[in-house]
Amino acid sequence: MTQIDFYLLASQDPKTRWDFCCRLVEKVQRLGHRILVSVDTQQDAETLNQLLWSFKPESFIPHRIINDTKYPAMPVEITYSPEAGDHQDVLLNLGKQIPSFFSRFNRMSEFVTEDEETKIWTREHYRFYKERGYPIETRPIEARNLR
């Protein structure tokens, strides 16, 4: 069964979700895991693609948008569609919807900021997983650890 992690980010800024996701991608990929990041739109995928190149200039994270056939499969892939690649390792969800394919992954993470809009849909996600019996961990991240 998929382990669900909710990162509770001590910030009102929804952009913090994206920045923290990049940091988590870097850490998890360095540990040898394959990662799929789910976003809502192609524009979101392109935004995350650029963030992964620029969030930490000294870092290199091999990644691609999943349907970009110019590049082979990478350890980190980004999707904005039902396309989920071919692995079952780690899924990070930046989208407002729960990806339909989430249950095939070993681990999935959601990112919660303190702004009301984000809290609304992430609470719905939490309820969805809890009602279905998924193991859930909440991981509070203090503001000083977000820099």
N, C-alpha and C. Protein backbone atom coordinates (compact mmCIF):
# COMPACT_ATOMS: atom_id res chain seq x y z
N MET A 1 0.84 -1.18 0.00
CA MET A 1 0.00 0.00 0.00
C MET A 1 0.89 1.24 0.00
N THR A 2 0.49 2.25 -0.71
CA THR A 2 1.25 3.49 -0.85
C THR A 2 1.34 4.23 0.48
N GLN A 3 2.56 4.60 0.87
CA GLN A 3 2.78 5.46 2.05
C GLN A 3 2.57 6.90 1.61
N ILE A 4 1.71 7.63 2.32
CA ILE A 4 1.41 9.02 1.99
C ILE A 4 2.07 9.93 3.02
N ASP A 5 2.83 10.92 2.55
CA ASP A 5 3.45 11.91 3.42
C ASP A 5 2.87 13.28 3.10
N PHE A 6 2.46 14.00 4.14
CA PHE A 6 2.02 15.38 3.99
C PHE A 6 3.07 16.27 4.64
N TYR A 7 3.72 17.10 3.84
CA TYR A 7 4.68 18.07 4.35
C TYR A 7 3.91 19.35 4.67
N LEU A 8 3.88 19.71 5.94
CA LEU A 8 3.16 20.89 6.42
C LEU A 8 4.16 22.04 6.49
N LEU A 9 4.10 22.92 5.51
CA LEU A 9 5.09 23.98 5.35
C LEU A 9 4.62 25.26 6.03
N ALA A 10 5.40 25.76 6.96
CA ALA A 10 5.04 26.95 7.74
C ALA A 10 5.24 28.20 6.90
N SER A 11 4.33 28.39 5.95
CA SER A 11 4.41 29.54 5.05
C SER A 11 3.02 29.83 4.48
N GLN A 12 2.73 31.10 4.27
CA GLN A 12 1.49 31.52 3.62
C GLN A 12 1.64 31.54 2.10
N ASP A 13 2.87 31.51 1.61
CA ASP A 13 3.16 31.67 0.18
C ASP A 13 3.02 30.33 -0.54
N PRO A 14 2.05 30.19 -1.46
CA PRO A 14 1.89 28.93 -2.20
C PRO A 14 3.14 28.53 -2.99
N LYS A 15 3.97 29.50 -3.37
CA LYS A 15 5.21 29.20 -4.10
C LYS A 15 6.16 28.34 -3.28
N THR A 16 6.02 28.40 -1.96
CA THR A 16 6.86 27.60 -1.06
C THR A 16 6.72 26.12 -1.37
N ARG A 17 5.53 25.69 -1.78
CA ARG A 17 5.31 24.27 -2.15
C ARG A 17 6.26 23.86 -3.26
N TRP A 18 6.39 24.73 -4.26
CA TRP A 18 7.23 24.43 -5.42
C TRP A 18 8.71 24.39 -5.04
N ASP A 19 9.13 25.37 -4.24
CA ASP A 19 10.52 25.42 -3.81
C ASP A 19 10.88 24.21 -2.96
N PHE A 20 9.99 23.87 -2.02
CA PHE A 20 10.27 22.73 -1.16
C PHE A 20 10.26 21.44 -1.97
N CYS A 21 9.37 21.34 -2.93
CA CYS A 21 9.33 20.16 -3.80
C CYS A 21 10.68 19.99 -4.52
N CYS A 22 11.25 21.07 -5.02
CA CYS A 22 12.56 20.99 -5.68
C CYS A 22 13.63 20.47 -4.73
N ARG A 23 13.61 20.96 -3.50
CA ARG A 23 14.58 20.48 -2.51
C ARG A 23 14.39 19.00 -2.21
N LEU A 24 13.13 18.57 -2.10
CA LEU A 24 12.86 17.17 -1.84
C LEU A 24 13.25 16.30 -3.04
N VAL A 25 12.98 16.77 -4.24
CA VAL A 25 13.40 16.05 -5.45
C VAL A 25 14.91 15.83 -5.41
N GLU A 26 15.65 16.89 -5.12
CA GLU A 26 17.11 16.76 -5.08
C GLU A 26 17.54 15.70 -4.07
N LYS A 27 16.98 15.76 -2.87
CA LYS A 27 17.37 14.82 -1.82
C LYS A 27 17.00 13.38 -2.18
N VAL A 28 15.77 13.17 -2.61
CA VAL A 28 15.29 11.82 -2.90
C VAL A 28 16.03 11.23 -4.11
N GLN A 29 16.29 12.03 -5.12
CA GLN A 29 17.01 11.55 -6.30
C GLN A 29 18.45 11.19 -5.94
N ARG A 30 19.07 11.98 -5.07
CA ARG A 30 20.43 11.70 -4.62
C ARG A 30 20.49 10.36 -3.88
N LEU A 31 19.40 9.97 -3.23
CA LEU A 31 19.33 8.69 -2.53
C LEU A 31 19.08 7.52 -3.48
N GLY A 32 18.96 7.81 -4.77
CA GLY A 32 18.83 6.77 -5.78
C GLY A 32 17.43 6.40 -6.19
N HIS A 33 16.46 7.19 -5.79
CA HIS A 33 15.07 6.89 -6.15
C HIS A 33 14.68 7.56 -7.46
N ARG A 34 13.73 6.95 -8.14
CA ARG A 34 13.10 7.57 -9.30
C ARG A 34 11.88 8.34 -8.81
N ILE A 35 11.61 9.47 -9.44
CA ILE A 35 10.57 10.37 -8.96
C ILE A 35 9.70 10.82 -10.12
N LEU A 36 8.41 10.85 -9.88
CA LEU A 36 7.46 11.47 -10.79
C LEU A 36 6.80 12.61 -10.04
N VAL A 37 6.79 13.80 -10.63
CA VAL A 37 6.12 14.95 -10.03
C VAL A 37 4.88 15.24 -10.88
N SER A 38 3.73 15.26 -10.22
CA SER A 38 2.46 15.51 -10.90
C SER A 38 2.04 16.96 -10.67
N VAL A 39 1.73 17.65 -11.78
CA VAL A 39 1.25 19.03 -11.74
C VAL A 39 -0.05 19.12 -12.54
N ASP A 40 -0.69 20.28 -12.52
CA ASP A 40 -2.00 20.42 -13.15
C ASP A 40 -1.98 20.66 -14.65
N THR A 41 -1.03 21.45 -15.13
CA THR A 41 -1.07 21.90 -16.52
C THR A 41 0.30 21.82 -17.18
N GLN A 42 0.31 21.93 -18.49
CA GLN A 42 1.58 21.96 -19.21
C GLN A 42 2.40 23.17 -18.77
N GLN A 43 1.75 24.30 -18.55
CA GLN A 43 2.48 25.49 -18.08
C GLN A 43 3.13 25.22 -16.71
N ASP A 44 2.41 24.53 -15.82
CA ASP A 44 3.00 24.16 -14.52
C ASP A 44 4.20 23.25 -14.72
N ALA A 45 4.10 22.31 -15.66
CA ALA A 45 5.22 21.40 -15.93
C ALA A 45 6.43 22.17 -16.42
N GLU A 46 6.21 23.13 -17.30
CA GLU A 46 7.32 23.94 -17.81
C GLU A 46 7.91 24.81 -16.71
N THR A 47 7.06 25.34 -15.83
CA THR A 47 7.54 26.14 -14.70
C THR A 47 8.42 25.29 -13.79
N LEU A 48 7.95 24.08 -13.45
CA LEU A 48 8.74 23.20 -12.59
C LEU A 48 10.04 22.79 -13.28
N ASN A 49 9.97 22.53 -14.57
CA ASN A 49 11.16 22.19 -15.34
C ASN A 49 12.22 23.28 -15.16
N GLN A 50 11.82 24.54 -15.30
CA GLN A 50 12.76 25.65 -15.14
C GLN A 50 13.24 25.77 -13.69
N LEU A 51 12.35 25.57 -12.74
CA LEU A 51 12.75 25.64 -11.32
C LEU A 51 13.81 24.59 -10.98
N LEU A 52 13.65 23.38 -11.52
CA LEU A 52 14.62 22.34 -11.24
C LEU A 52 16.00 22.68 -11.81
N TRP A 53 16.05 23.47 -12.86
CA TRP A 53 17.33 23.93 -13.40
C TRP A 53 17.93 25.06 -12.59
N SER A 54 17.08 25.88 -11.96
CA SER A 54 17.58 27.12 -11.39
C SER A 54 17.51 27.25 -9.87
N PHE A 55 16.78 26.38 -9.18
CA PHE A 55 16.56 26.60 -7.74
C PHE A 55 17.86 26.54 -6.95
N LYS A 56 18.82 25.81 -7.43
CA LYS A 56 20.11 25.67 -6.75
C LYS A 56 21.17 25.55 -7.83
N PRO A 57 21.85 26.63 -8.18
CA PRO A 57 22.75 26.64 -9.33
C PRO A 57 23.82 25.55 -9.32
N GLU A 58 24.27 25.13 -8.15
CA GLU A 58 25.34 24.12 -8.11
C GLU A 58 24.80 22.69 -8.20
N SER A 59 23.50 22.55 -8.27
CA SER A 59 22.88 21.23 -8.29
C SER A 59 22.51 20.82 -9.73
N PHE A 60 22.64 19.54 -10.02
CA PHE A 60 22.18 19.01 -11.31
C PHE A 60 21.19 17.90 -11.03
N ILE A 61 19.98 18.07 -11.50
CA ILE A 61 18.93 17.07 -11.34
C ILE A 61 18.49 16.65 -12.73
N PRO A 62 18.86 15.44 -13.16
CA PRO A 62 18.44 14.98 -14.49
C PRO A 62 16.93 14.77 -14.51
N HIS A 63 16.25 15.53 -15.37
CA HIS A 63 14.80 15.47 -15.40
C HIS A 63 14.28 15.81 -16.80
N ARG A 64 12.99 15.52 -16.98
CA ARG A 64 12.30 15.88 -18.22
C ARG A 64 10.80 15.90 -17.97
N ILE A 65 10.10 16.59 -18.85
CA ILE A 65 8.64 16.50 -18.88
C ILE A 65 8.34 15.18 -19.58
N ILE A 66 7.51 14.37 -18.99
CA ILE A 66 7.36 12.97 -19.38
C ILE A 66 7.01 12.74 -20.85
N ASN A 67 6.22 13.61 -21.45
CA ASN A 67 5.85 13.37 -22.84
C ASN A 67 6.78 14.06 -23.83
N ASP A 68 7.91 14.57 -23.36
CA ASP A 68 8.90 15.18 -24.24
C ASP A 68 9.80 14.08 -24.79
N THR A 69 9.48 13.60 -25.97
CA THR A 69 10.18 12.45 -26.55
C THR A 69 11.56 12.79 -27.11
N LYS A 70 11.97 14.06 -27.02
CA LYS A 70 13.33 14.42 -27.44
C LYS A 70 14.36 13.83 -26.49
N TYR A 71 13.92 13.49 -25.29
CA TYR A 71 14.84 13.00 -24.26
C TYR A 71 14.42 11.62 -23.79
N PRO A 72 15.39 10.78 -23.43
CA PRO A 72 15.04 9.46 -22.88
C PRO A 72 14.48 9.61 -21.47
N ALA A 73 13.99 8.52 -20.92
CA ALA A 73 13.49 8.52 -19.55
C ALA A 73 14.59 9.01 -18.61
N MET A 74 14.20 9.75 -17.60
CA MET A 74 15.14 10.32 -16.64
C MET A 74 14.76 9.86 -15.23
N PRO A 75 15.68 10.01 -14.27
CA PRO A 75 15.35 9.65 -12.88
C PRO A 75 14.23 10.52 -12.29
N VAL A 76 14.08 11.74 -12.82
CA VAL A 76 13.02 12.64 -12.37
C VAL A 76 12.19 13.03 -13.59
N GLU A 77 10.89 12.78 -13.49
CA GLU A 77 10.00 13.14 -14.59
C GLU A 77 8.83 13.95 -14.06
N ILE A 78 8.29 14.79 -14.93
CA ILE A 78 7.18 15.67 -14.59
C ILE A 78 6.01 15.32 -15.49
N THR A 79 4.82 15.20 -14.92
CA THR A 79 3.64 14.91 -15.73
C THR A 79 2.51 15.88 -15.39
N TYR A 80 1.72 16.18 -16.41
CA TYR A 80 0.50 16.98 -16.21
C TYR A 80 -0.68 16.27 -16.85
N SER A 81 -0.52 15.00 -17.13
CA SER A 81 -1.54 14.21 -17.80
C SER A 81 -1.66 12.86 -17.10
N PRO A 82 -2.52 11.98 -17.59
CA PRO A 82 -2.61 10.64 -17.00
C PRO A 82 -1.36 9.78 -17.24
N GLU A 83 -0.44 10.27 -18.04
CA GLU A 83 0.82 9.54 -18.31
C GLU A 83 1.66 9.51 -17.03
N ALA A 84 2.03 8.31 -16.59
CA ALA A 84 2.74 8.19 -15.32
C ALA A 84 4.08 7.49 -15.43
N GLY A 85 4.56 7.27 -16.64
CA GLY A 85 5.87 6.63 -16.78
C GLY A 85 5.80 5.15 -16.44
N ASP A 86 6.98 4.58 -16.18
CA ASP A 86 7.05 3.13 -16.03
C ASP A 86 7.59 2.67 -14.69
N HIS A 87 7.68 3.54 -13.70
CA HIS A 87 8.19 3.09 -12.40
C HIS A 87 7.12 3.27 -11.32
N GLN A 88 7.40 2.72 -10.16
CA GLN A 88 6.44 2.77 -9.05
C GLN A 88 7.11 3.28 -7.77
N ASP A 89 8.14 4.09 -7.89
CA ASP A 89 8.94 4.46 -6.74
C ASP A 89 8.30 5.62 -5.95
N VAL A 90 8.58 6.86 -6.32
CA VAL A 90 8.14 8.03 -5.55
C VAL A 90 7.32 8.97 -6.43
N LEU A 91 6.19 9.40 -5.91
CA LEU A 91 5.32 10.37 -6.57
C LEU A 91 5.19 11.59 -5.68
N LEU A 92 5.42 12.77 -6.25
CA LEU A 92 5.23 14.03 -5.54
C LEU A 92 4.09 14.76 -6.23
N ASN A 93 3.10 15.18 -5.46
CA ASN A 93 1.92 15.81 -6.06
C ASN A 93 1.89 17.30 -5.75
N LEU A 94 2.04 18.12 -6.80
CA LEU A 94 1.87 19.57 -6.68
C LEU A 94 0.51 20.00 -7.24
N GLY A 95 -0.26 19.06 -7.72
CA GLY A 95 -1.54 19.36 -8.35
C GLY A 95 -2.67 19.51 -7.35
N LYS A 96 -3.77 20.09 -7.82
CA LYS A 96 -4.96 20.26 -7.00
C LYS A 96 -5.79 18.98 -6.94
N GLN A 97 -5.52 18.06 -7.84
CA GLN A 97 -6.23 16.79 -7.88
C GLN A 97 -5.31 15.66 -7.44
N ILE A 98 -5.88 14.60 -6.95
CA ILE A 98 -5.11 13.40 -6.64
C ILE A 98 -4.90 12.66 -7.96
N PRO A 99 -3.66 12.38 -8.33
CA PRO A 99 -3.43 11.66 -9.59
C PRO A 99 -4.09 10.28 -9.55
N SER A 100 -4.76 9.92 -10.62
CA SER A 100 -5.49 8.65 -10.67
C SER A 100 -4.58 7.43 -10.48
N PHE A 101 -3.31 7.59 -10.75
CA PHE A 101 -2.35 6.49 -10.72
C PHE A 101 -1.54 6.43 -9.41
N PHE A 102 -1.90 7.24 -8.42
CA PHE A 102 -1.08 7.36 -7.21
C PHE A 102 -0.84 6.03 -6.51
N SER A 103 -1.83 5.14 -6.51
CA SER A 103 -1.75 3.92 -5.70
C SER A 103 -0.73 2.91 -6.21
N ARG A 104 -0.19 3.11 -7.38
CA ARG A 104 0.83 2.17 -7.87
C ARG A 104 2.22 2.52 -7.35
N PHE A 105 2.35 3.69 -6.71
CA PHE A 105 3.66 4.14 -6.21
C PHE A 105 3.89 3.65 -4.78
N ASN A 106 5.16 3.43 -4.45
CA ASN A 106 5.52 3.01 -3.10
C ASN A 106 5.28 4.14 -2.10
N ARG A 107 5.55 5.35 -2.54
CA ARG A 107 5.48 6.51 -1.65
C ARG A 107 4.96 7.71 -2.42
N MET A 108 4.15 8.51 -1.75
CA MET A 108 3.62 9.73 -2.36
C MET A 108 3.67 10.85 -1.35
N SER A 109 4.01 12.06 -1.82
CA SER A 109 4.05 13.22 -0.94
C SER A 109 3.15 14.33 -1.46
N GLU A 110 2.52 15.01 -0.53
CA GLU A 110 1.70 16.19 -0.79
C GLU A 110 2.33 17.34 0.00
N PHE A 111 2.13 18.57 -0.47
CA PHE A 111 2.75 19.75 0.14
C PHE A 111 1.66 20.74 0.54
N VAL A 112 1.63 21.10 1.83
CA VAL A 112 0.58 21.95 2.36
C VAL A 112 1.19 23.26 2.87
N THR A 113 0.70 24.38 2.35
CA THR A 113 1.08 25.68 2.90
C THR A 113 -0.10 26.21 3.70
N GLU A 114 0.11 27.29 4.40
CA GLU A 114 -0.91 27.83 5.30
C GLU A 114 -1.92 28.75 4.64
N ASP A 115 -1.85 28.92 3.33
CA ASP A 115 -2.86 29.74 2.65
C ASP A 115 -4.16 28.94 2.54
N GLU A 116 -5.27 29.62 2.62
CA GLU A 116 -6.58 28.96 2.68
C GLU A 116 -6.88 28.11 1.44
N GLU A 117 -6.55 28.60 0.26
CA GLU A 117 -6.87 27.84 -0.95
C GLU A 117 -6.18 26.48 -0.96
N THR A 118 -4.90 26.47 -0.65
CA THR A 118 -4.17 25.20 -0.64
C THR A 118 -4.69 24.28 0.46
N LYS A 119 -5.00 24.83 1.62
CA LYS A 119 -5.51 24.00 2.71
C LYS A 119 -6.81 23.30 2.33
N ILE A 120 -7.66 23.96 1.54
CA ILE A 120 -8.94 23.36 1.15
C ILE A 120 -8.72 22.06 0.40
N TRP A 121 -7.93 22.08 -0.67
CA TRP A 121 -7.81 20.85 -1.46
C TRP A 121 -6.90 19.83 -0.80
N THR A 122 -5.89 20.26 -0.03
CA THR A 122 -5.04 19.26 0.62
C THR A 122 -5.78 18.57 1.77
N ARG A 123 -6.71 19.27 2.41
CA ARG A 123 -7.55 18.60 3.43
C ARG A 123 -8.43 17.55 2.77
N GLU A 124 -8.96 17.86 1.60
CA GLU A 124 -9.76 16.87 0.86
C GLU A 124 -8.90 15.66 0.50
N HIS A 125 -7.68 15.90 0.09
CA HIS A 125 -6.77 14.79 -0.24
C HIS A 125 -6.54 13.93 1.00
N TYR A 126 -6.27 14.59 2.13
CA TYR A 126 -6.02 13.86 3.37
C TYR A 126 -7.21 12.96 3.72
N ARG A 127 -8.40 13.53 3.65
CA ARG A 127 -9.62 12.75 3.95
C ARG A 127 -9.75 11.54 3.01
N PHE A 128 -9.49 11.77 1.73
CA PHE A 128 -9.58 10.70 0.74
C PHE A 128 -8.67 9.53 1.12
N TYR A 129 -7.41 9.82 1.41
CA TYR A 129 -6.45 8.75 1.76
C TYR A 129 -6.84 8.07 3.07
N LYS A 130 -7.23 8.86 4.06
CA LYS A 130 -7.57 8.33 5.39
C LYS A 130 -8.78 7.40 5.30
N GLU A 131 -9.81 7.82 4.56
CA GLU A 131 -11.02 6.99 4.43
C GLU A 131 -10.72 5.66 3.77
N ARG A 132 -9.68 5.59 2.97
CA ARG A 132 -9.34 4.36 2.26
C ARG A 132 -8.25 3.56 2.97
N GLY A 133 -7.82 4.04 4.13
CA GLY A 133 -6.90 3.27 4.95
C GLY A 133 -5.43 3.37 4.59
N TYR A 134 -5.05 4.37 3.80
CA TYR A 134 -3.63 4.52 3.46
C TYR A 134 -2.85 4.99 4.68
N PRO A 135 -1.63 4.48 4.87
CA PRO A 135 -0.80 4.98 5.97
C PRO A 135 -0.35 6.41 5.66
N ILE A 136 -0.59 7.31 6.62
CA ILE A 136 -0.30 8.74 6.42
C ILE A 136 0.65 9.22 7.51
N GLU A 137 1.66 9.97 7.08
CA GLU A 137 2.56 10.65 8.00
C GLU A 137 2.46 12.14 7.72
N THR A 138 2.38 12.95 8.78
CA THR A 138 2.46 14.40 8.60
C THR A 138 3.85 14.83 9.06
N ARG A 139 4.46 15.70 8.27
CA ARG A 139 5.83 16.13 8.53
C ARG A 139 5.88 17.66 8.57
N PRO A 140 5.75 18.24 9.77
CA PRO A 140 5.80 19.70 9.88
C PRO A 140 7.21 20.22 9.54
N ILE A 141 7.27 21.26 8.73
CA ILE A 141 8.53 21.91 8.36
C ILE A 141 8.44 23.34 8.82
N GLU A 142 9.27 23.70 9.77
CA GLU A 142 9.26 25.06 10.32
C GLU A 142 9.77 26.06 9.29
N ALA A 143 9.36 27.32 9.46
CA ALA A 143 9.73 28.38 8.52
C ALA A 143 11.24 28.50 8.37
N ARG A 144 11.98 28.37 9.46
CA ARG A 144 13.45 28.50 9.37
C ARG A 144 14.08 27.40 8.51
N ASN A 145 13.39 26.28 8.35
CA ASN A 145 13.90 25.18 7.54
C ASN A 145 13.46 25.27 6.07
N LEU A 146 12.73 26.32 5.74
CA LEU A 146 12.27 26.50 4.37
C LEU A 146 13.22 27.35 3.55
N ARG A 147 14.20 27.93 4.17
CA ARG A 147 15.14 28.80 3.45
C ARG A 147 16.24 28.02 2.82
